[in-house]
Amino acid sequence: MFQRMRGAVSITVDGIDLTKVTDIEVELIQEDTGVEMLFTGAEVVVTGETALTVTIPKDTAMALEVAPMRGQIMFTREDGMPDATKPFTVSVEELIKEAGYGN
């Protein structure tokens, strides 16, 4: 689920306590256009056990085509093992709107 924030989107997840994992990366891929975005470090902020915020620069968001987009969150578990969420579908229109860049 996305929540509107200026220049960022909030993503919620199920089955993972984000406060107990490290090295979080959020990947968004638009396979039809070849656009790949990887958000790490200061761009990704954990805001709760099941929520994080990703800052998306306006020029990046506005460069997206209206085409299907796939997202995935990668992270390192407490035991040091790498893991990832199942891929999820992202609506470009919703992403741009929720980042505060659309109507």
PDB file of N, CA and C in Angstrom:
ATOM      1  N   MET A   1       0.843  -1.177   0.000  1.00  0.00           N
ATOM      2  CA  MET A   1       0.000   0.000   0.000  1.00  0.00           C
ATOM      3  C   MET A   1       0.888   1.239   0.000  1.00  0.00           C
ATOM      4  N   PHE A   2       0.490   2.256  -0.742  1.00  0.00           N
ATOM      5  CA  PHE A   2       1.230   3.501  -0.812  1.00  0.00           C
ATOM      6  C   PHE A   2       0.497   4.584  -0.043  1.00  0.00           C
ATOM      7  N   GLN A   3       1.264   5.503   0.532  1.00  0.00           N
ATOM      8  CA  GLN A   3       0.688   6.651   1.229  1.00  0.00           C
ATOM      9  C   GLN A   3       1.390   7.898   0.707  1.00  0.00           C
ATOM     10  N   ARG A   4       0.637   8.947   0.412  1.00  0.00           N
ATOM     11  CA  ARG A   4       1.211  10.148  -0.169  1.00  0.00           C
ATOM     12  C   ARG A   4       2.124  10.880   0.813  1.00  0.00           C
ATOM     13  N   MET A   5       3.306  11.238   0.323  1.00  0.00           N
ATOM     14  CA  MET A   5       4.267  12.045   1.053  1.00  0.00           C
ATOM     15  C   MET A   5       5.000  12.856  -0.003  1.00  0.00           C
ATOM     16  N   ARG A   6       5.472  14.019   0.312  1.00  0.00           N
ATOM     17  CA  ARG A   6       6.147  14.858  -0.675  1.00  0.00           C
ATOM     18  C   ARG A   6       7.450  14.211  -1.127  1.00  0.00           C
ATOM     19  N   GLY A   7       7.524  13.806  -2.393  1.00  0.00           N
ATOM     20  CA  GLY A   7       8.739  13.249  -2.962  1.00  0.00           C
ATOM     21  C   GLY A   7       9.072  11.848  -2.496  1.00  0.00           C
ATOM     22  N   ALA A   8       8.142  11.193  -1.830  1.00  0.00           N
ATOM     23  CA  ALA A   8       8.419   9.852  -1.319  1.00  0.00           C
ATOM     24  C   ALA A   8       7.137   9.045  -1.285  1.00  0.00           C
ATOM     25  N   VAL A   9       7.307   7.735  -1.220  1.00  0.00           N
ATOM     26  CA  VAL A   9       6.174   6.852  -1.037  1.00  0.00           C
ATOM     27  C   VAL A   9       6.434   5.976   0.171  1.00  0.00           C
ATOM     28  N   SER A  10       5.361   5.619   0.842  1.00  0.00           N
ATOM     29  CA  SER A  10       5.440   4.720   1.983  1.00  0.00           C
ATOM     30  C   SER A  10       4.944   3.354   1.523  1.00  0.00           C
ATOM     31  N   ILE A  11       5.736   2.327   1.779  1.00  0.00           N
ATOM     32  CA  ILE A  11       5.400   0.967   1.376  1.00  0.00           C
ATOM     33  C   ILE A  11       5.231   0.123   2.629  1.00  0.00           C
ATOM     34  N   THR A  12       4.152  -0.639   2.681  1.00  0.00           N
ATOM     35  CA  THR A  12       3.943  -1.549   3.805  1.00  0.00           C
ATOM     36  C   THR A  12       4.160  -2.982   3.334  1.00  0.00           C
ATOM     37  N   VAL A  13       4.642  -3.811   4.252  1.00  0.00           N
ATOM     38  CA  VAL A  13       4.918  -5.208   3.939  1.00  0.00           C
ATOM     39  C   VAL A  13       4.263  -6.106   4.985  1.00  0.00           C
ATOM     40  N   ASP A  14       4.078  -7.361   4.633  1.00  0.00           N
ATOM     41  CA  ASP A  14       3.546  -8.361   5.554  1.00  0.00           C
ATOM     42  C   ASP A  14       4.610  -9.413   5.819  1.00  0.00           C
ATOM     43  N   GLY A  15       4.649  -9.926   7.037  1.00  0.00           N
ATOM     44  CA  GLY A  15       5.513 -11.054   7.358  1.00  0.00           C
ATOM     45  C   GLY A  15       6.961 -10.732   7.649  1.00  0.00           C
ATOM     46  N   ILE A  16       7.319  -9.446   7.687  1.00  0.00           N
ATOM     47  CA  ILE A  16       8.699  -9.045   7.963  1.00  0.00           C
ATOM     48  C   ILE A  16       8.672  -7.920   8.985  1.00  0.00           C
ATOM     49  N   ASP A  17       9.491  -8.021  10.026  1.00  0.00           N
ATOM     50  CA  ASP A  17       9.657  -6.920  10.965  1.00  0.00           C
ATOM     51  C   ASP A  17      10.844  -6.101  10.467  1.00  0.00           C
ATOM     52  N   LEU A  18      10.558  -5.008   9.790  1.00  0.00           N
ATOM     53  CA  LEU A  18      11.600  -4.187   9.179  1.00  0.00           C
ATOM     54  C   LEU A  18      12.549  -3.564  10.199  1.00  0.00           C
ATOM     55  N   THR A  19      12.130  -3.481  11.461  1.00  0.00           N
ATOM     56  CA  THR A  19      13.008  -2.910  12.487  1.00  0.00           C
ATOM     57  C   THR A  19      14.100  -3.894  12.907  1.00  0.00           C
ATOM     58  N   LYS A  20      13.996  -5.139  12.444  1.00  0.00           N
ATOM     59  CA  LYS A  20      14.970  -6.165  12.832  1.00  0.00           C
ATOM     60  C   LYS A  20      15.840  -6.636  11.675  1.00  0.00           C
ATOM     61  N   VAL A  21      15.761  -5.965  10.530  1.00  0.00           N
ATOM     62  CA  VAL A  21      16.585  -6.342   9.382  1.00  0.00           C
ATOM     63  C   VAL A  21      17.512  -5.173   9.037  1.00  0.00           C
ATOM     64  N   THR A  22      18.535  -5.464   8.232  1.00  0.00           N
ATOM     65  CA  THR A  22      19.499  -4.435   7.838  1.00  0.00           C
ATOM     66  C   THR A  22      19.683  -4.458   6.323  1.00  0.00           C
ATOM     67  N   ASP A  23      20.481  -3.526   5.840  1.00  0.00           N
ATOM     68  CA  ASP A  23      20.850  -3.466   4.420  1.00  0.00           C
ATOM     69  C   ASP A  23      19.633  -3.515   3.503  1.00  0.00           C
ATOM     70  N   ILE A  24      18.630  -2.717   3.824  1.00  0.00           N
ATOM     71  CA  ILE A  24      17.390  -2.729   3.037  1.00  0.00           C
ATOM     72  C   ILE A  24      17.600  -2.013   1.705  1.00  0.00           C
ATOM     73  N   GLU A  25      17.164  -2.672   0.654  1.00  0.00           N
ATOM     74  CA  GLU A  25      17.184  -2.108  -0.691  1.00  0.00           C
ATOM     75  C   GLU A  25      15.809  -2.281  -1.307  1.00  0.00           C
ATOM     76  N   VAL A  26      15.350  -1.258  -2.006  1.00  0.00           N
ATOM     77  CA  VAL A  26      14.069  -1.348  -2.713  1.00  0.00           C
ATOM     78  C   VAL A  26      14.374  -1.210  -4.198  1.00  0.00           C
ATOM     79  N   GLU A  27      13.971  -2.218  -4.956  1.00  0.00           N
ATOM     80  CA  GLU A  27      14.219  -2.230  -6.388  1.00  0.00           C
ATOM     81  C   GLU A  27      12.899  -2.087  -7.128  1.00  0.00           C
ATOM     82  N   LEU A  28      12.865  -1.184  -8.087  1.00  0.00           N
ATOM     83  CA  LEU A  28      11.707  -1.004  -8.960  1.00  0.00           C
ATOM     84  C   LEU A  28      12.191  -1.168 -10.391  1.00  0.00           C
ATOM     85  N   ILE A  29      11.551  -2.066 -11.120  1.00  0.00           N
ATOM     86  CA  ILE A  29      11.969  -2.372 -12.487  1.00  0.00           C
ATOM     87  C   ILE A  29      10.780  -2.229 -13.425  1.00  0.00           C
ATOM     88  N   GLN A  30      11.017  -1.510 -14.508  1.00  0.00           N
ATOM     89  CA  GLN A  30      10.010  -1.379 -15.552  1.00  0.00           C
ATOM     90  C   GLN A  30      10.546  -2.141 -16.764  1.00  0.00           C
ATOM     91  N   GLU A  31      10.166  -3.409 -16.851  1.00  0.00           N
ATOM     92  CA  GLU A  31      10.754  -4.301 -17.849  1.00  0.00           C
ATOM     93  C   GLU A  31      10.480  -3.865 -19.277  1.00  0.00           C
ATOM     94  N   ASP A  32       9.305  -3.295 -19.556  1.00  0.00           N
ATOM     95  CA  ASP A  32       8.966  -2.879 -20.918  1.00  0.00           C
ATOM     96  C   ASP A  32       9.915  -1.803 -21.448  1.00  0.00           C
ATOM     97  N   THR A  33      10.409  -0.955 -20.546  1.00  0.00           N
ATOM     98  CA  THR A  33      11.258   0.163 -20.962  1.00  0.00           C
ATOM     99  C   THR A  33      12.721  -0.028 -20.578  1.00  0.00           C
ATOM    100  N   GLY A  34      13.018  -1.034 -19.758  1.00  0.00           N
ATOM    101  CA  GLY A  34      14.387  -1.267 -19.318  1.00  0.00           C
ATOM    102  C   GLY A  34      14.819  -0.383 -18.159  1.00  0.00           C
ATOM    103  N   VAL A  35      13.904   0.374 -17.573  1.00  0.00           N
ATOM    104  CA  VAL A  35      14.243   1.257 -16.460  1.00  0.00           C
ATOM    105  C   VAL A  35      14.367   0.426 -15.186  1.00  0.00           C
ATOM    106  N   GLU A  36      15.507   0.564 -14.513  1.00  0.00           N
ATOM    107  CA  GLU A  36      15.732  -0.101 -13.229  1.00  0.00           C
ATOM    108  C   GLU A  36      16.154   0.947 -12.214  1.00  0.00           C
ATOM    109  N   MET A  37      15.504   0.930 -11.052  1.00  0.00           N
ATOM    110  CA  MET A  37      15.843   1.862  -9.983  1.00  0.00           C
ATOM    111  C   MET A  37      16.132   1.069  -8.721  1.00  0.00           C
ATOM    112  N   LEU A  38      17.229   1.403  -8.047  1.00  0.00           N
ATOM    113  CA  LEU A  38      17.577   0.755  -6.802  1.00  0.00           C
ATOM    114  C   LEU A  38      17.731   1.836  -5.746  1.00  0.00           C
ATOM    115  N   PHE A  39      16.954   1.734  -4.691  1.00  0.00           N
ATOM    116  CA  PHE A  39      16.983   2.716  -3.612  1.00  0.00           C
ATOM    117  C   PHE A  39      17.616   2.071  -2.384  1.00  0.00           C
ATOM    118  N   THR A  40      18.633   2.729  -1.831  1.00  0.00           N
ATOM    119  CA  THR A  40      19.364   2.196  -0.678  1.00  0.00           C
ATOM    120  C   THR A  40      19.702   3.320   0.290  1.00  0.00           C
ATOM    121  N   GLY A  41      20.297   2.972   1.393  1.00  0.00           N
ATOM    122  CA  GLY A  41      20.824   3.957   2.331  1.00  0.00           C
ATOM    123  C   GLY A  41      19.806   4.976   2.778  1.00  0.00           C
ATOM    124  N   ALA A  42      20.167   6.257   2.662  1.00  0.00           N
ATOM    125  CA  ALA A  42      19.325   7.348   3.152  1.00  0.00           C
ATOM    126  C   ALA A  42      18.019   7.474   2.369  1.00  0.00           C
ATOM    127  N   GLU A  43      17.938   6.872   1.186  1.00  0.00           N
ATOM    128  CA  GLU A  43      16.714   6.928   0.388  1.00  0.00           C
ATOM    129  C   GLU A  43      15.616   6.038   0.966  1.00  0.00           C
ATOM    130  N   VAL A  44      16.002   5.083   1.818  1.00  0.00           N
ATOM    131  CA  VAL A  44      15.062   4.131   2.404  1.00  0.00           C
ATOM    132  C   VAL A  44      15.065   4.317   3.919  1.00  0.00           C
ATOM    133  N   VAL A  45      13.906   4.669   4.480  1.00  0.00           N
ATOM    134  CA  VAL A  45      13.795   4.902   5.920  1.00  0.00           C
ATOM    135  C   VAL A  45      12.706   4.010   6.485  1.00  0.00           C
ATOM    136  N   VAL A  46      13.072   3.185   7.474  1.00  0.00           N
ATOM    137  CA  VAL A  46      12.088   2.343   8.144  1.00  0.00           C
ATOM    138  C   VAL A  46      11.278   3.234   9.076  1.00  0.00           C
ATOM    139  N   THR A  47       9.953   3.203   8.915  1.00  0.00           N
ATOM    140  CA  THR A  47       9.082   4.065   9.723  1.00  0.00           C
ATOM    141  C   THR A  47       8.236   3.272  10.711  1.00  0.00           C
ATOM    142  N   GLY A  48       8.378   1.960  10.711  1.00  0.00           N
ATOM    143  CA  GLY A  48       7.631   1.098  11.621  1.00  0.00           C
ATOM    144  C   GLY A  48       7.966  -0.353  11.336  1.00  0.00           C
ATOM    145  N   GLU A  49       7.399  -1.253  12.106  1.00  0.00           N
ATOM    146  CA  GLU A  49       7.698  -2.674  11.941  1.00  0.00           C
ATOM    147  C   GLU A  49       7.358  -3.192  10.545  1.00  0.00           C
ATOM    148  N   THR A  50       6.327  -2.647   9.933  1.00  0.00           N
ATOM    149  CA  THR A  50       5.912  -3.143   8.615  1.00  0.00           C
ATOM    150  C   THR A  50       5.872  -2.044   7.552  1.00  0.00           C
ATOM    151  N   ALA A  51       6.539  -0.930   7.797  1.00  0.00           N
ATOM    152  CA  ALA A  51       6.473   0.178   6.841  1.00  0.00           C
ATOM    153  C   ALA A  51       7.838   0.829   6.640  1.00  0.00           C
ATOM    154  N   LEU A  52       8.051   1.273   5.416  1.00  0.00           N
ATOM    155  CA  LEU A  52       9.248   2.044   5.102  1.00  0.00           C
ATOM    156  C   LEU A  52       8.890   3.129   4.105  1.00  0.00           C
ATOM    157  N   THR A  53       9.725   4.140   4.034  1.00  0.00           N
ATOM    158  CA  THR A  53       9.527   5.240   3.107  1.00  0.00           C
ATOM    159  C   THR A  53      10.695   5.273   2.138  1.00  0.00           C
ATOM    160  N   VAL A  54      10.391   5.436   0.857  1.00  0.00           N
ATOM    161  CA  VAL A  54      11.408   5.526  -0.186  1.00  0.00           C
ATOM    162  C   VAL A  54      11.310   6.906  -0.818  1.00  0.00           C
ATOM    163  N   THR A  55      12.418   7.632  -0.824  1.00  0.00           N
ATOM    164  CA  THR A  55      12.472   8.934  -1.472  1.00  0.00           C
ATOM    165  C   THR A  55      12.769   8.736  -2.951  1.00  0.00           C
ATOM    166  N   ILE A  56      11.918   9.290  -3.785  1.00  0.00           N
ATOM    167  CA  ILE A  56      12.068   9.148  -5.237  1.00  0.00           C
ATOM    168  C   ILE A  56      12.256  10.536  -5.845  1.00  0.00           C
ATOM    169  N   PRO A  57      13.441  10.802  -6.413  1.00  0.00           N
ATOM    170  CA  PRO A  57      13.670  12.107  -7.043  1.00  0.00           C
ATOM    171  C   PRO A  57      12.648  12.364  -8.153  1.00  0.00           C
ATOM    172  N   LYS A  58      12.245  13.615  -8.292  1.00  0.00           N
ATOM    173  CA  LYS A  58      11.217  13.964  -9.273  1.00  0.00           C
ATOM    174  C   LYS A  58      11.630  13.588 -10.690  1.00  0.00           C
ATOM    175  N   ASP A  59      12.887  13.861 -11.065  1.00  0.00           N
ATOM    176  CA  ASP A  59      13.305  13.552 -12.433  1.00  0.00           C
ATOM    177  C   ASP A  59      13.253  12.054 -12.706  1.00  0.00           C
ATOM    178  N   THR A  60      13.508  11.236 -11.694  1.00  0.00           N
ATOM    179  CA  THR A  60      13.405   9.787 -11.841  1.00  0.00           C
ATOM    180  C   THR A  60      11.957   9.374 -12.029  1.00  0.00           C
ATOM    181  N   ALA A  61      11.083   9.889 -11.189  1.00  0.00           N
ATOM    182  CA  ALA A  61       9.660   9.538 -11.275  1.00  0.00           C
ATOM    183  C   ALA A  61       9.051   9.984 -12.599  1.00  0.00           C
ATOM    184  N   MET A  62       9.404  11.174 -13.040  1.00  0.00           N
ATOM    185  CA  MET A  62       8.801  11.707 -14.250  1.00  0.00           C
ATOM    186  C   MET A  62       9.356  11.048 -15.513  1.00  0.00           C
ATOM    187  N   ALA A  63      10.486  10.345 -15.416  1.00  0.00           N
ATOM    188  CA  ALA A  63      11.059   9.658 -16.573  1.00  0.00           C
ATOM    189  C   ALA A  63      10.392   8.315 -16.842  1.00  0.00           C
ATOM    190  N   LEU A  64       9.544   7.872 -15.931  1.00  0.00           N
ATOM    191  CA  LEU A  64       8.889   6.576 -16.086  1.00  0.00           C
ATOM    192  C   LEU A  64       7.812   6.628 -17.157  1.00  0.00           C
ATOM    193  N   GLU A  65       7.680   5.541 -17.881  1.00  0.00           N
ATOM    194  CA  GLU A  65       6.625   5.384 -18.868  1.00  0.00           C
ATOM    195  C   GLU A  65       5.402   4.775 -18.186  1.00  0.00           C
ATOM    196  N   VAL A  66       4.230   4.962 -18.783  1.00  0.00           N
ATOM    197  CA  VAL A  66       3.028   4.318 -18.269  1.00  0.00           C
ATOM    198  C   VAL A  66       3.066   2.879 -18.776  1.00  0.00           C
ATOM    199  N   ALA A  67       3.693   2.033 -17.991  1.00  0.00           N
ATOM    200  CA  ALA A  67       3.871   0.613 -18.317  1.00  0.00           C
ATOM    201  C   ALA A  67       3.981  -0.143 -17.004  1.00  0.00           C
ATOM    202  N   PRO A  68       3.750  -1.442 -17.017  1.00  0.00           N
ATOM    203  CA  PRO A  68       3.840  -2.210 -15.775  1.00  0.00           C
ATOM    204  C   PRO A  68       5.215  -2.087 -15.122  1.00  0.00           C
ATOM    205  N   MET A  69       5.218  -2.091 -13.804  1.00  0.00           N
ATOM    206  CA  MET A  69       6.452  -1.992 -13.040  1.00  0.00           C
ATOM    207  C   MET A  69       6.414  -3.034 -11.930  1.00  0.00           C
ATOM    208  N   ARG A  70       7.555  -3.648 -11.673  1.00  0.00           N
ATOM    209  CA  ARG A  70       7.673  -4.658 -10.632  1.00  0.00           C
ATOM    210  C   ARG A  70       8.580  -4.124  -9.524  1.00  0.00           C
ATOM    211  N   GLY A  71       8.206  -4.398  -8.284  1.00  0.00           N
ATOM    212  CA  GLY A  71       9.005  -3.983  -7.148  1.00  0.00           C
ATOM    213  C   GLY A  71       9.392  -5.160  -6.287  1.00  0.00           C
ATOM    214  N   GLN A  72      10.487  -4.997  -5.537  1.00  0.00           N
ATOM    215  CA  GLN A  72      10.923  -6.023  -4.594  1.00  0.00           C
ATOM    216  C   GLN A  72      11.795  -5.353  -3.538  1.00  0.00           C
ATOM    217  N   ILE A  73      11.673  -5.852  -2.312  1.00  0.00           N
ATOM    218  CA  ILE A  73      12.479  -5.339  -1.205  1.00  0.00           C
ATOM    219  C   ILE A  73      13.463  -6.435  -0.808  1.00  0.00           C
ATOM    220  N   MET A  74      14.761  -6.099  -0.817  1.00  0.00           N
ATOM    221  CA  MET A  74      15.809  -7.031  -0.403  1.00  0.00           C
ATOM    222  C   MET A  74      16.376  -6.549   0.936  1.00  0.00           C
ATOM    223  N   PHE A  75      16.842  -7.484   1.746  1.00  0.00           N
ATOM    224  CA  PHE A  75      17.344  -7.128   3.076  1.00  0.00           C
ATOM    225  C   PHE A  75      18.180  -8.269   3.639  1.00  0.00           C
ATOM    226  N   THR A  76      18.845  -7.994   4.767  1.00  0.00           N
ATOM    227  CA  THR A  76      19.593  -9.015   5.490  1.00  0.00           C
ATOM    228  C   THR A  76      18.879  -9.272   6.807  1.00  0.00           C
ATOM    229  N   ARG A  77      18.569 -10.543   7.062  1.00  0.00           N
ATOM    230  CA  ARG A  77      17.881 -10.932   8.305  1.00  0.00           C
ATOM    231  C   ARG A  77      18.825 -10.835   9.497  1.00  0.00           C
ATOM    232  N   GLU A  78      18.267 -10.923  10.695  1.00  0.00           N
ATOM    233  CA  GLU A  78      19.046 -10.857  11.935  1.00  0.00           C
ATOM    234  C   GLU A  78      20.169 -11.888  11.980  1.00  0.00           C
ATOM    235  N   ASP A  79      19.943 -13.051  11.360  1.00  0.00           N
ATOM    236  CA  ASP A  79      20.949 -14.115  11.385  1.00  0.00           C
ATOM    237  C   ASP A  79      22.022 -13.938  10.310  1.00  0.00           C
ATOM    238  N   GLY A  80      21.967 -12.808   9.564  1.00  0.00           N
ATOM    239  CA  GLY A  80      22.962 -12.512   8.545  1.00  0.00           C
ATOM    240  C   GLY A  80      22.652 -13.058   7.164  1.00  0.00           C
ATOM    241  N   MET A  81      21.539 -13.759   7.040  1.00  0.00           N
ATOM    242  CA  MET A  81      21.170 -14.341   5.751  1.00  0.00           C
ATOM    243  C   MET A  81      20.420 -13.322   4.880  1.00  0.00           C
ATOM    244  N   PRO A  82      20.788 -13.229   3.599  1.00  0.00           N
ATOM    245  CA  PRO A  82      20.049 -12.338   2.703  1.00  0.00           C
ATOM    246  C   PRO A  82      18.665 -12.895   2.413  1.00  0.00           C
ATOM    247  N   ASP A  83      17.710 -12.014   2.191  1.00  0.00           N
ATOM    248  CA  ASP A  83      16.343 -12.431   1.918  1.00  0.00           C
ATOM    249  C   ASP A  83      15.669 -11.344   1.085  1.00  0.00           C
ATOM    250  N   ALA A  84      14.483 -11.625   0.608  1.00  0.00           N
ATOM    251  CA  ALA A  84      13.736 -10.651  -0.195  1.00  0.00           C
ATOM    252  C   ALA A  84      12.254 -10.960  -0.113  1.00  0.00           C
ATOM    253  N   THR A  85      11.459  -9.936  -0.342  1.00  0.00           N
ATOM    254  CA  THR A  85      10.018 -10.129  -0.440  1.00  0.00           C
ATOM    255  C   THR A  85       9.711 -10.768  -1.787  1.00  0.00           C
ATOM    256  N   LYS A  86       8.508 -11.257  -1.924  1.00  0.00           N
ATOM    257  CA  LYS A  86       8.052 -11.686  -3.238  1.00  0.00           C
ATOM    258  C   LYS A  86       7.894 -10.429  -4.087  1.00  0.00           C
ATOM    259  N   PRO A  87       8.157 -10.522  -5.388  1.00  0.00           N
ATOM    260  CA  PRO A  87       7.942  -9.350  -6.247  1.00  0.00           C
ATOM    261  C   PRO A  87       6.487  -8.893  -6.182  1.00  0.00           C
ATOM    262  N   PHE A  88       6.293  -7.593  -6.291  1.00  0.00           N
ATOM    263  CA  PHE A  88       4.950  -7.029  -6.282  1.00  0.00           C
ATOM    264  C   PHE A  88       4.811  -6.075  -7.457  1.00  0.00           C
ATOM    265  N   THR A  89       3.583  -5.867  -7.895  1.00  0.00           N
ATOM    266  CA  THR A  89       3.306  -4.990  -9.021  1.00  0.00           C
ATOM    267  C   THR A  89       3.091  -3.570  -8.515  1.00  0.00           C
ATOM    268  N   VAL A  90       3.643  -2.613  -9.261  1.00  0.00           N
ATOM    269  CA  VAL A  90       3.513  -1.201  -8.911  1.00  0.00           C
ATOM    270  C   VAL A  90       2.890  -0.469 -10.093  1.00  0.00           C
ATOM    271  N   SER A  91       1.876   0.328  -9.834  1.00  0.00           N
ATOM    272  CA  SER A  91       1.270   1.166 -10.861  1.00  0.00           C
ATOM    273  C   SER A  91       2.088   2.454 -10.976  1.00  0.00           C
ATOM    274  N   VAL A  92       2.591   2.741 -12.178  1.00  0.00           N
ATOM    275  CA  VAL A  92       3.379   3.959 -12.372  1.00  0.00           C
ATOM    276  C   VAL A  92       2.542   5.194 -12.064  1.00  0.00           C
ATOM    277  N   GLU A  93       1.294   5.198 -12.516  1.00  0.00           N
ATOM    278  CA  GLU A  93       0.430   6.341 -12.258  1.00  0.00           C
ATOM    279  C   GLU A  93       0.276   6.563 -10.747  1.00  0.00           C
ATOM    280  N   GLU A  94       0.064   5.473 -10.009  1.00  0.00           N
ATOM    281  CA  GLU A  94      -0.098   5.572  -8.560  1.00  0.00           C
ATOM    282  C   GLU A  94       1.208   6.021  -7.903  1.00  0.00           C
ATOM    283  N   LEU A  95       2.332   5.479  -8.364  1.00  0.00           N
ATOM    284  CA  LEU A  95       3.633   5.839  -7.806  1.00  0.00           C
ATOM    285  C   LEU A  95       3.893   7.330  -7.956  1.00  0.00           C
ATOM    286  N   ILE A  96       3.695   7.851  -9.155  1.00  0.00           N
ATOM    287  CA  ILE A  96       3.929   9.275  -9.408  1.00  0.00           C
ATOM    288  C   ILE A  96       2.983  10.137  -8.595  1.00  0.00           C
ATOM    289  N   LYS A  97       1.713   9.749  -8.568  1.00  0.00           N
ATOM    290  CA  LYS A  97       0.703  10.502  -7.799  1.00  0.00           C
ATOM    291  C   LYS A  97       1.042  10.476  -6.312  1.00  0.00           C
ATOM    292  N   GLU A  98       1.340   9.296  -5.783  1.00  0.00           N
ATOM    293  CA  GLU A  98       1.590   9.167  -4.348  1.00  0.00           C
ATOM    294  C   GLU A  98       2.891   9.835  -3.931  1.00  0.00           C
ATOM    295  N   ALA A  99       3.845   9.969  -4.858  1.00  0.00           N
ATOM    296  CA  ALA A  99       5.082  10.688  -4.543  1.00  0.00           C
ATOM    297  C   ALA A  99       4.853  12.198  -4.549  1.00  0.00           C
ATOM    298  N   GLY A 100       3.632  12.620  -4.940  1.00  0.00           N
ATOM    299  CA  GLY A 100       3.311  14.037  -4.930  1.00  0.00           C
ATOM    300  C   GLY A 100       3.656  14.761  -6.202  1.00  0.00           C
ATOM    301  N   TYR A 101       3.979  14.012  -7.260  1.00  0.00           N
ATOM    302  CA  TYR A 101       4.390  14.632  -8.523  1.00  0.00           C
ATOM    303  C   TYR A 101       3.294  14.650  -9.564  1.00  0.00           C
ATOM    304  N   GLY A 102       2.162  13.991  -9.304  1.00  0.00           N
ATOM    305  CA  GLY A 102       1.081  13.933 -10.289  1.00  0.00           C
ATOM    306  C   GLY A 102      -0.147  14.641  -9.785  1.00  0.00           C
ATOM    307  N   ASN A 103      -1.227  14.467 -10.489  1.00  0.00           N
ATOM    308  CA  ASN A 103      -2.491  15.103 -10.107  1.00  0.00           C
ATOM    309  C   ASN A 103      -3.160  14.353  -8.984  1.00  0.00           C
TER     310      ASN A 103
END
